[in-house]
Amino acid sequence: MVYDRAVADQPRLLAAVRAATTLALDNQRLQGELEAQFAEVRRARAQTVEYPGSPTRRC
């Protein structure tokens, strides 16, 4: 990110940029958390053992 002194006197613009940056960073963090949760679900499903004669359910 680059700071430009020319926009220092435009507080509304700075606030909008700050809000957009915060949203982008939060989105990236949440996306990472979601991917980690999906990986955990895939690992758990791979470890699930089905016993002979038990009904199988497909989603």
PDB file of N, CA and C in Angstrom:
ATOM      1  N   MET A   1       0.850  -1.160   0.000  1.00  0.00           N
ATOM      2  CA  MET A   1       0.000   0.000   0.000  1.00  0.00           C
ATOM      3  C   MET A   1       0.906   1.236   0.000  1.00  0.00           C
ATOM      4  N   VAL A   2       0.503   2.240  -0.711  1.00  0.00           N
ATOM      5  CA  VAL A   2       1.283   3.471  -0.838  1.00  0.00           C
ATOM      6  C   VAL A   2       0.484   4.622  -0.255  1.00  0.00           C
ATOM      7  N   TYR A   3       1.132   5.435   0.542  1.00  0.00           N
ATOM      8  CA  TYR A   3       0.474   6.603   1.117  1.00  0.00           C
ATOM      9  C   TYR A   3       0.807   7.820   0.268  1.00  0.00           C
ATOM     10  N   ASP A   4      -0.209   8.575  -0.088  1.00  0.00           N
ATOM     11  CA  ASP A   4      -0.036   9.782  -0.903  1.00  0.00           C
ATOM     12  C   ASP A   4      -0.485  10.979  -0.078  1.00  0.00           C
ATOM     13  N   ARG A   5       0.426  11.897   0.189  1.00  0.00           N
ATOM     14  CA  ARG A   5       0.099  13.083   0.990  1.00  0.00           C
ATOM     15  C   ARG A   5      -0.999  13.932   0.347  1.00  0.00           C
ATOM     16  N   ALA A   6      -1.206  13.781  -0.934  1.00  0.00           N
ATOM     17  CA  ALA A   6      -2.221  14.582  -1.633  1.00  0.00           C
ATOM     18  C   ALA A   6      -3.628  14.268  -1.146  1.00  0.00           C
ATOM     19  N   VAL A   7      -3.827  13.087  -0.571  1.00  0.00           N
ATOM     20  CA  VAL A   7      -5.164  12.739  -0.084  1.00  0.00           C
ATOM     21  C   VAL A   7      -5.303  12.954   1.417  1.00  0.00           C
ATOM     22  N   ALA A   8      -4.276  13.491   2.047  1.00  0.00           N
ATOM     23  CA  ALA A   8      -4.314  13.717   3.494  1.00  0.00           C
ATOM     24  C   ALA A   8      -5.448  14.658   3.905  1.00  0.00           C
ATOM     25  N   ASP A   9      -5.830  15.548   3.026  1.00  0.00           N
ATOM     26  CA  ASP A   9      -6.900  16.493   3.359  1.00  0.00           C
ATOM     27  C   ASP A   9      -8.266  15.980   2.910  1.00  0.00           C
ATOM     28  N   GLN A  10      -8.378  14.708   2.630  1.00  0.00           N
ATOM     29  CA  GLN A  10      -9.650  14.102   2.215  1.00  0.00           C
ATOM     30  C   GLN A  10      -9.993  12.952   3.172  1.00  0.00           C
ATOM     31  N   PRO A  11     -10.459  13.283   4.355  1.00  0.00           N
ATOM     32  CA  PRO A  11     -10.698  12.254   5.372  1.00  0.00           C
ATOM     33  C   PRO A  11     -11.748  11.212   4.966  1.00  0.00           C
ATOM     34  N   ARG A  12     -12.739  11.622   4.194  1.00  0.00           N
ATOM     35  CA  ARG A  12     -13.756  10.649   3.762  1.00  0.00           C
ATOM     36  C   ARG A  12     -13.161   9.623   2.820  1.00  0.00           C
ATOM     37  N   LEU A  13     -12.282  10.071   1.948  1.00  0.00           N
ATOM     38  CA  LEU A  13     -11.613   9.148   1.027  1.00  0.00           C
ATOM     39  C   LEU A  13     -10.714   8.192   1.803  1.00  0.00           C
ATOM     40  N   LEU A  14      -9.960   8.724   2.753  1.00  0.00           N
ATOM     41  CA  LEU A  14      -9.091   7.875   3.570  1.00  0.00           C
ATOM     42  C   LEU A  14      -9.907   6.852   4.360  1.00  0.00           C
ATOM     43  N   ALA A  15     -11.038   7.270   4.896  1.00  0.00           N
ATOM     44  CA  ALA A  15     -11.901   6.354   5.648  1.00  0.00           C
ATOM     45  C   ALA A  15     -12.431   5.248   4.747  1.00  0.00           C
ATOM     46  N   ALA A  16     -12.804   5.606   3.531  1.00  0.00           N
ATOM     47  CA  ALA A  16     -13.313   4.605   2.590  1.00  0.00           C
ATOM     48  C   ALA A  16     -12.224   3.602   2.209  1.00  0.00           C
ATOM     49  N   VAL A  17     -11.024   4.094   1.983  1.00  0.00           N
ATOM     50  CA  VAL A  17      -9.905   3.210   1.639  1.00  0.00           C
ATOM     51  C   VAL A  17      -9.577   2.304   2.819  1.00  0.00           C
ATOM     52  N   ARG A  18      -9.573   2.870   4.011  1.00  0.00           N
ATOM     53  CA  ARG A  18      -9.298   2.087   5.215  1.00  0.00           C
ATOM     54  C   ARG A  18     -10.346   0.984   5.388  1.00  0.00           C
ATOM     55  N   ALA A  19     -11.625   1.327   5.175  1.00  0.00           N
ATOM     56  CA  ALA A  19     -12.700   0.341   5.308  1.00  0.00           C
ATOM     57  C   ALA A  19     -12.565  -0.761   4.259  1.00  0.00           C
ATOM     58  N   ALA A  20     -12.260  -0.385   3.028  1.00  0.00           N
ATOM     59  CA  ALA A  20     -12.096  -1.385   1.968  1.00  0.00           C
ATOM     60  C   ALA A  20     -10.909  -2.296   2.249  1.00  0.00           C
ATOM     61  N   THR A  21      -9.831  -1.733   2.770  1.00  0.00           N
ATOM     62  CA  THR A  21      -8.656  -2.533   3.109  1.00  0.00           C
ATOM     63  C   THR A  21      -8.973  -3.497   4.240  1.00  0.00           C
ATOM     64  N   THR A  22      -9.678  -3.010   5.244  1.00  0.00           N
ATOM     65  CA  THR A  22     -10.066  -3.873   6.366  1.00  0.00           C
ATOM     66  C   THR A  22     -10.942  -5.022   5.886  1.00  0.00           C
ATOM     67  N   LEU A  23     -11.896  -4.721   5.021  1.00  0.00           N
ATOM     68  CA  LEU A  23     -12.759  -5.770   4.481  1.00  0.00           C
ATOM     69  C   LEU A  23     -11.955  -6.802   3.693  1.00  0.00           C
ATOM     70  N   ALA A  24     -11.028  -6.350   2.886  1.00  0.00           N
ATOM     71  CA  ALA A  24     -10.216  -7.267   2.091  1.00  0.00           C
ATOM     72  C   ALA A  24      -9.372  -8.168   2.991  1.00  0.00           C
ATOM     73  N   LEU A  25      -8.775  -7.597   4.023  1.00  0.00           N
ATOM     74  CA  LEU A  25      -7.961  -8.397   4.945  1.00  0.00           C
ATOM     75  C   LEU A  25      -8.820  -9.387   5.729  1.00  0.00           C
ATOM     76  N   ASP A  26      -9.982  -8.939   6.199  1.00  0.00           N
ATOM     77  CA  ASP A  26     -10.895  -9.842   6.907  1.00  0.00           C
ATOM     78  C   ASP A  26     -11.360 -10.972   6.000  1.00  0.00           C
ATOM     79  N   ASN A  27     -11.669 -10.639   4.754  1.00  0.00           N
ATOM     80  CA  ASN A  27     -12.116 -11.648   3.810  1.00  0.00           C
ATOM     81  C   ASN A  27     -11.021 -12.698   3.587  1.00  0.00           C
ATOM     82  N   GLN A  28      -9.795 -12.251   3.450  1.00  0.00           N
ATOM     83  CA  GLN A  28      -8.681 -13.172   3.248  1.00  0.00           C
ATOM     84  C   GLN A  28      -8.498 -14.075   4.473  1.00  0.00           C
ATOM     85  N   ARG A  29      -8.602 -13.501   5.668  1.00  0.00           N
ATOM     86  CA  ARG A  29      -8.479 -14.289   6.895  1.00  0.00           C
ATOM     87  C   ARG A  29      -9.598 -15.324   7.001  1.00  0.00           C
ATOM     88  N   LEU A  30     -10.827 -14.900   6.736  1.00  0.00           N
ATOM     89  CA  LEU A  30     -11.966 -15.807   6.804  1.00  0.00           C
ATOM     90  C   LEU A  30     -11.870 -16.910   5.760  1.00  0.00           C
ATOM     91  N   GLN A  31     -11.400 -16.577   4.572  1.00  0.00           N
ATOM     92  CA  GLN A  31     -11.228 -17.578   3.522  1.00  0.00           C
ATOM     93  C   GLN A  31     -10.220 -18.640   3.972  1.00  0.00           C
ATOM     94  N   GLY A  32      -9.143 -18.205   4.604  1.00  0.00           N
ATOM     95  CA  GLY A  32      -8.149 -19.149   5.118  1.00  0.00           C
ATOM     96  C   GLY A  32      -8.728 -20.053   6.191  1.00  0.00           C
ATOM     97  N   GLU A  33      -9.527 -19.477   7.097  1.00  0.00           N
ATOM     98  CA  GLU A  33     -10.168 -20.276   8.136  1.00  0.00           C
ATOM     99  C   GLU A  33     -11.138 -21.289   7.532  1.00  0.00           C
ATOM    100  N   LEU A  34     -11.891 -20.874   6.539  1.00  0.00           N
ATOM    101  CA  LEU A  34     -12.840 -21.768   5.885  1.00  0.00           C
ATOM    102  C   LEU A  34     -12.120 -22.923   5.190  1.00  0.00           C
ATOM    103  N   GLU A  35     -11.047 -22.623   4.495  1.00  0.00           N
ATOM    104  CA  GLU A  35     -10.271 -23.669   3.831  1.00  0.00           C
ATOM    105  C   GLU A  35      -9.702 -24.653   4.843  1.00  0.00           C
ATOM    106  N   ALA A  36      -9.266 -24.165   6.001  1.00  0.00           N
ATOM    107  CA  ALA A  36      -8.750 -25.042   7.052  1.00  0.00           C
ATOM    108  C   ALA A  36      -9.859 -25.942   7.598  1.00  0.00           C
ATOM    109  N   GLN A  37     -11.056 -25.392   7.754  1.00  0.00           N
ATOM    110  CA  GLN A  37     -12.184 -26.197   8.233  1.00  0.00           C
ATOM    111  C   GLN A  37     -12.564 -27.264   7.212  1.00  0.00           C
ATOM    112  N   PHE A  38     -12.567 -26.916   5.936  1.00  0.00           N
ATOM    113  CA  PHE A  38     -12.859 -27.904   4.892  1.00  0.00           C
ATOM    114  C   PHE A  38     -11.815 -29.014   4.892  1.00  0.00           C
ATOM    115  N   ALA A  39     -10.567 -28.652   5.073  1.00  0.00           N
ATOM    116  CA  ALA A  39      -9.505 -29.659   5.117  1.00  0.00           C
ATOM    117  C   ALA A  39      -9.727 -30.594   6.301  1.00  0.00           C
ATOM    118  N   GLU A  40     -10.136 -30.061   7.438  1.00  0.00           N
ATOM    119  CA  GLU A  40     -10.406 -30.883   8.611  1.00  0.00           C
ATOM    120  C   GLU A  40     -11.572 -31.831   8.354  1.00  0.00           C
ATOM    121  N   VAL A  41     -12.617 -31.353   7.705  1.00  0.00           N
ATOM    122  CA  VAL A  41     -13.760 -32.207   7.379  1.00  0.00           C
ATOM    123  C   VAL A  41     -13.321 -33.320   6.431  1.00  0.00           C
ATOM    124  N   ARG A  42     -12.506 -32.979   5.429  1.00  0.00           N
ATOM    125  CA  ARG A  42     -12.024 -34.012   4.499  1.00  0.00           C
ATOM    126  C   ARG A  42     -11.187 -35.055   5.228  1.00  0.00           C
ATOM    127  N   ARG A  43     -10.331 -34.614   6.162  1.00  0.00           N
ATOM    128  CA  ARG A  43      -9.521 -35.568   6.940  1.00  0.00           C
ATOM    129  C   ARG A  43     -10.416 -36.465   7.787  1.00  0.00           C
ATOM    130  N   ALA A  44     -11.421 -35.869   8.431  1.00  0.00           N
ATOM    131  CA  ALA A  44     -12.320 -36.644   9.284  1.00  0.00           C
ATOM    132  C   ALA A  44     -13.100 -37.662   8.459  1.00  0.00           C
ATOM    133  N   ARG A  45     -13.546 -37.250   7.296  1.00  0.00           N
ATOM    134  CA  ARG A  45     -14.287 -38.189   6.438  1.00  0.00           C
ATOM    135  C   ARG A  45     -13.401 -39.316   5.949  1.00  0.00           C
ATOM    136  N   ALA A  46     -12.155 -39.011   5.665  1.00  0.00           N
ATOM    137  CA  ALA A  46     -11.226 -40.040   5.197  1.00  0.00           C
ATOM    138  C   ALA A  46     -10.931 -41.047   6.299  1.00  0.00           C
ATOM    139  N   GLN A  47     -11.028 -40.633   7.550  1.00  0.00           N
ATOM    140  CA  GLN A  47     -10.746 -41.522   8.669  1.00  0.00           C
ATOM    141  C   GLN A  47     -11.966 -42.308   9.115  1.00  0.00           C
ATOM    142  N   THR A  48     -13.118 -41.979   8.603  1.00  0.00           N
ATOM    143  CA  THR A  48     -14.336 -42.667   8.996  1.00  0.00           C
ATOM    144  C   THR A  48     -14.271 -44.111   8.530  1.00  0.00           C
ATOM    145  N   VAL A  49     -14.553 -45.004   9.455  1.00  0.00           N
ATOM    146  CA  VAL A  49     -14.529 -46.425   9.143  1.00  0.00           C
ATOM    147  C   VAL A  49     -15.962 -46.908   9.065  1.00  0.00           C
ATOM    148  N   GLU A  50     -16.285 -47.586   7.970  1.00  0.00           N
ATOM    149  CA  GLU A  50     -17.624 -48.147   7.822  1.00  0.00           C
ATOM    150  C   GLU A  50     -17.557 -49.643   8.122  1.00  0.00           C
ATOM    151  N   TYR A  51     -18.470 -50.107   8.939  1.00  0.00           N
ATOM    152  CA  TYR A  51     -18.498 -51.502   9.318  1.00  0.00           C
ATOM    153  C   TYR A  51     -19.355 -52.287   8.342  1.00  0.00           C
ATOM    154  N   PRO A  52     -19.007 -53.559   8.088  1.00  0.00           N
ATOM    155  CA  PRO A  52     -19.808 -54.392   7.174  1.00  0.00           C
ATOM    156  C   PRO A  52     -21.251 -54.482   7.679  1.00  0.00           C
ATOM    157  N   GLY A  53     -22.161 -54.379   6.773  1.00  0.00           N
ATOM    158  CA  GLY A  53     -23.579 -54.473   7.113  1.00  0.00           C
ATOM    159  C   GLY A  53     -24.195 -53.167   7.579  1.00  0.00           C
ATOM    160  N   SER A  54     -23.388 -52.138   7.787  1.00  0.00           N
ATOM    161  CA  SER A  54     -23.976 -50.860   8.203  1.00  0.00           C
ATOM    162  C   SER A  54     -24.470 -50.108   6.965  1.00  0.00           C
ATOM    163  N   PRO A  55     -25.583 -49.425   7.095  1.00  0.00           N
ATOM    164  CA  PRO A  55     -26.087 -48.673   5.931  1.00  0.00           C
ATOM    165  C   PRO A  55     -25.141 -47.523   5.557  1.00  0.00           C
ATOM    166  N   THR A  56     -25.013 -47.303   4.305  1.00  0.00           N
ATOM    167  CA  THR A  56     -24.173 -46.192   3.822  1.00  0.00           C
ATOM    168  C   THR A  56     -25.071 -45.054   3.391  1.00  0.00           C
ATOM    169  N   ARG A  57     -24.676 -43.862   3.720  1.00  0.00           N
ATOM    170  CA  ARG A  57     -25.446 -42.698   3.322  1.00  0.00           C
ATOM    171  C   ARG A  57     -24.605 -41.866   2.390  1.00  0.00           C
ATOM    172  N   ARG A  58     -25.174 -41.469   1.307  1.00  0.00           N
ATOM    173  CA  ARG A  58     -24.512 -40.579   0.348  1.00  0.00           C
ATOM    174  C   ARG A  58     -25.161 -39.216   0.430  1.00  0.00           C
ATOM    175  N   CYS A  59     -24.339 -38.197   0.427  1.00  0.00           N
ATOM    176  CA  CYS A  59     -24.858 -36.814   0.449  1.00  0.00           C
ATOM    177  C   CYS A  59     -24.922 -36.273  -0.952  1.00  0.00           C
TER     178      CYS A  59
END
